[in-house]
Amino acid sequence: MRTEKRKRKKKRKGLKIFLLVLLVIILLIVGYLGFAYWKTTSTFNKIHTPISGKENTGVALDKKQPFSVLILGSMNGKATKDVLIH
């Protein structure tokens, strides 16, 4: 009977160690990703400076003002080769 209890305790001890190591690894990964997110957002906040005097306004088509449009696509061989419109 005592040998059975020892075997169970050893198995449980191994399981506890494995779960503890797994928990530490998960916490390290979450901590690293949180730190990377924090550094990225703080860098973007430092870089972004709004342009004074410029507003986000749409193009008024009734005034017949010229405007530019950029069309991006990929050439995968199935589509027509004439993607860029002048």
Protein backbone atom coordinates (compact mmCIF):
# COMPACT_ATOMS: atom_id res chain seq x y z
CA MET A 1 0.00 0.00 0.00
CA ARG A 2 2.76 2.41 0.79
CA THR A 3 4.43 1.90 -2.58
CA GLU A 4 1.17 2.79 -4.35
CA LYS A 5 0.94 6.06 -2.42
CA ARG A 6 4.54 6.91 -3.25
CA LYS A 7 3.97 6.29 -6.95
CA ARG A 8 0.89 8.53 -6.92
CA LYS A 9 2.77 11.28 -5.12
CA LYS A 10 5.64 11.06 -7.63
CA LYS A 11 3.23 11.24 -10.56
CA ARG A 12 1.43 14.19 -9.04
CA LYS A 13 4.72 15.89 -8.23
CA GLY A 14 5.84 15.53 -11.84
CA LEU A 15 2.51 16.86 -13.05
CA LYS A 16 2.73 19.84 -10.71
CA ILE A 17 6.25 20.67 -11.91
CA PHE A 18 5.14 20.40 -15.55
CA LEU A 19 2.12 22.65 -14.98
CA LEU A 20 4.23 25.17 -13.09
CA VAL A 21 6.80 25.34 -15.90
CA LEU A 22 3.99 25.67 -18.46
CA LEU A 23 2.41 28.48 -16.44
CA VAL A 24 5.74 30.33 -16.21
CA ILE A 25 6.27 30.02 -19.97
CA ILE A 26 2.76 31.31 -20.69
CA LEU A 27 3.25 34.24 -18.30
CA LEU A 28 6.57 35.11 -19.96
CA ILE A 29 4.98 35.08 -23.42
CA VAL A 30 2.05 37.22 -22.29
CA GLY A 31 4.42 39.63 -20.55
CA TYR A 32 6.61 39.94 -23.65
CA LEU A 33 3.61 40.56 -25.92
CA GLY A 34 2.21 43.14 -23.50
CA PHE A 35 5.55 44.94 -23.36
CA ALA A 36 5.84 44.93 -27.17
CA TYR A 37 2.31 46.33 -27.49
CA TRP A 38 3.04 49.05 -24.92
CA LYS A 39 6.30 50.07 -26.63
CA THR A 40 4.64 50.12 -30.05
CA THR A 41 1.72 52.29 -28.96
CA SER A 42 3.97 54.70 -27.08
CA THR A 43 6.24 55.03 -30.14
CA PHE A 44 3.28 55.67 -32.44
CA ASN A 45 1.96 58.31 -30.05
CA LYS A 46 5.34 60.08 -30.08
CA ILE A 47 5.65 59.94 -33.87
CA HIS A 48 2.14 61.10 -34.77
CA THR A 49 1.85 64.87 -35.07
CA PRO A 50 -1.26 66.31 -36.70
CA ILE A 51 -0.69 68.80 -39.52
CA SER A 52 -1.91 72.22 -38.51
CA GLY A 53 -4.05 74.03 -41.07
CA LYS A 54 -5.08 70.82 -42.82
CA GLU A 55 -8.43 69.22 -42.18
CA ASN A 56 -9.78 65.88 -43.26
CA THR A 57 -12.21 67.02 -45.89
CA GLY A 58 -13.71 65.03 -48.68
CA VAL A 59 -13.53 65.92 -52.35
CA ALA A 60 -16.47 67.95 -53.62
CA LEU A 61 -17.38 66.39 -56.96
CA ASP A 62 -19.84 69.14 -57.87
CA LYS A 63 -17.00 71.74 -57.92
CA LYS A 64 -15.20 69.63 -60.55
CA GLN A 65 -11.91 69.67 -58.64
CA PRO A 66 -9.32 67.16 -59.79
CA PHE A 67 -8.43 64.35 -57.38
CA SER A 68 -6.11 61.36 -57.40
CA VAL A 69 -6.93 57.72 -56.74
CA LEU A 70 -4.38 55.01 -56.06
CA ILE A 71 -5.46 51.51 -57.07
CA LEU A 72 -3.32 48.65 -55.76
CA GLY A 73 -3.63 45.04 -56.79
CA SER A 74 -1.68 41.87 -57.16
CA MET A 75 -0.68 40.08 -60.32
CA ASN A 76 -1.37 36.41 -59.80
CA GLY A 77 -1.57 35.45 -63.48
CA LYS A 78 -5.34 34.91 -63.47
CA ALA A 79 -6.35 38.57 -63.60
CA THR A 80 -5.90 40.80 -66.61
CA LYS A 81 -2.54 42.48 -66.95
CA ASP A 82 -4.13 45.91 -67.36
CA VAL A 83 -4.53 46.82 -63.69
CA LEU A 84 -3.21 50.39 -63.72
CA ILE A 85 -5.70 52.90 -65.08
CA HIS A 86 -4.40 56.30 -66.22
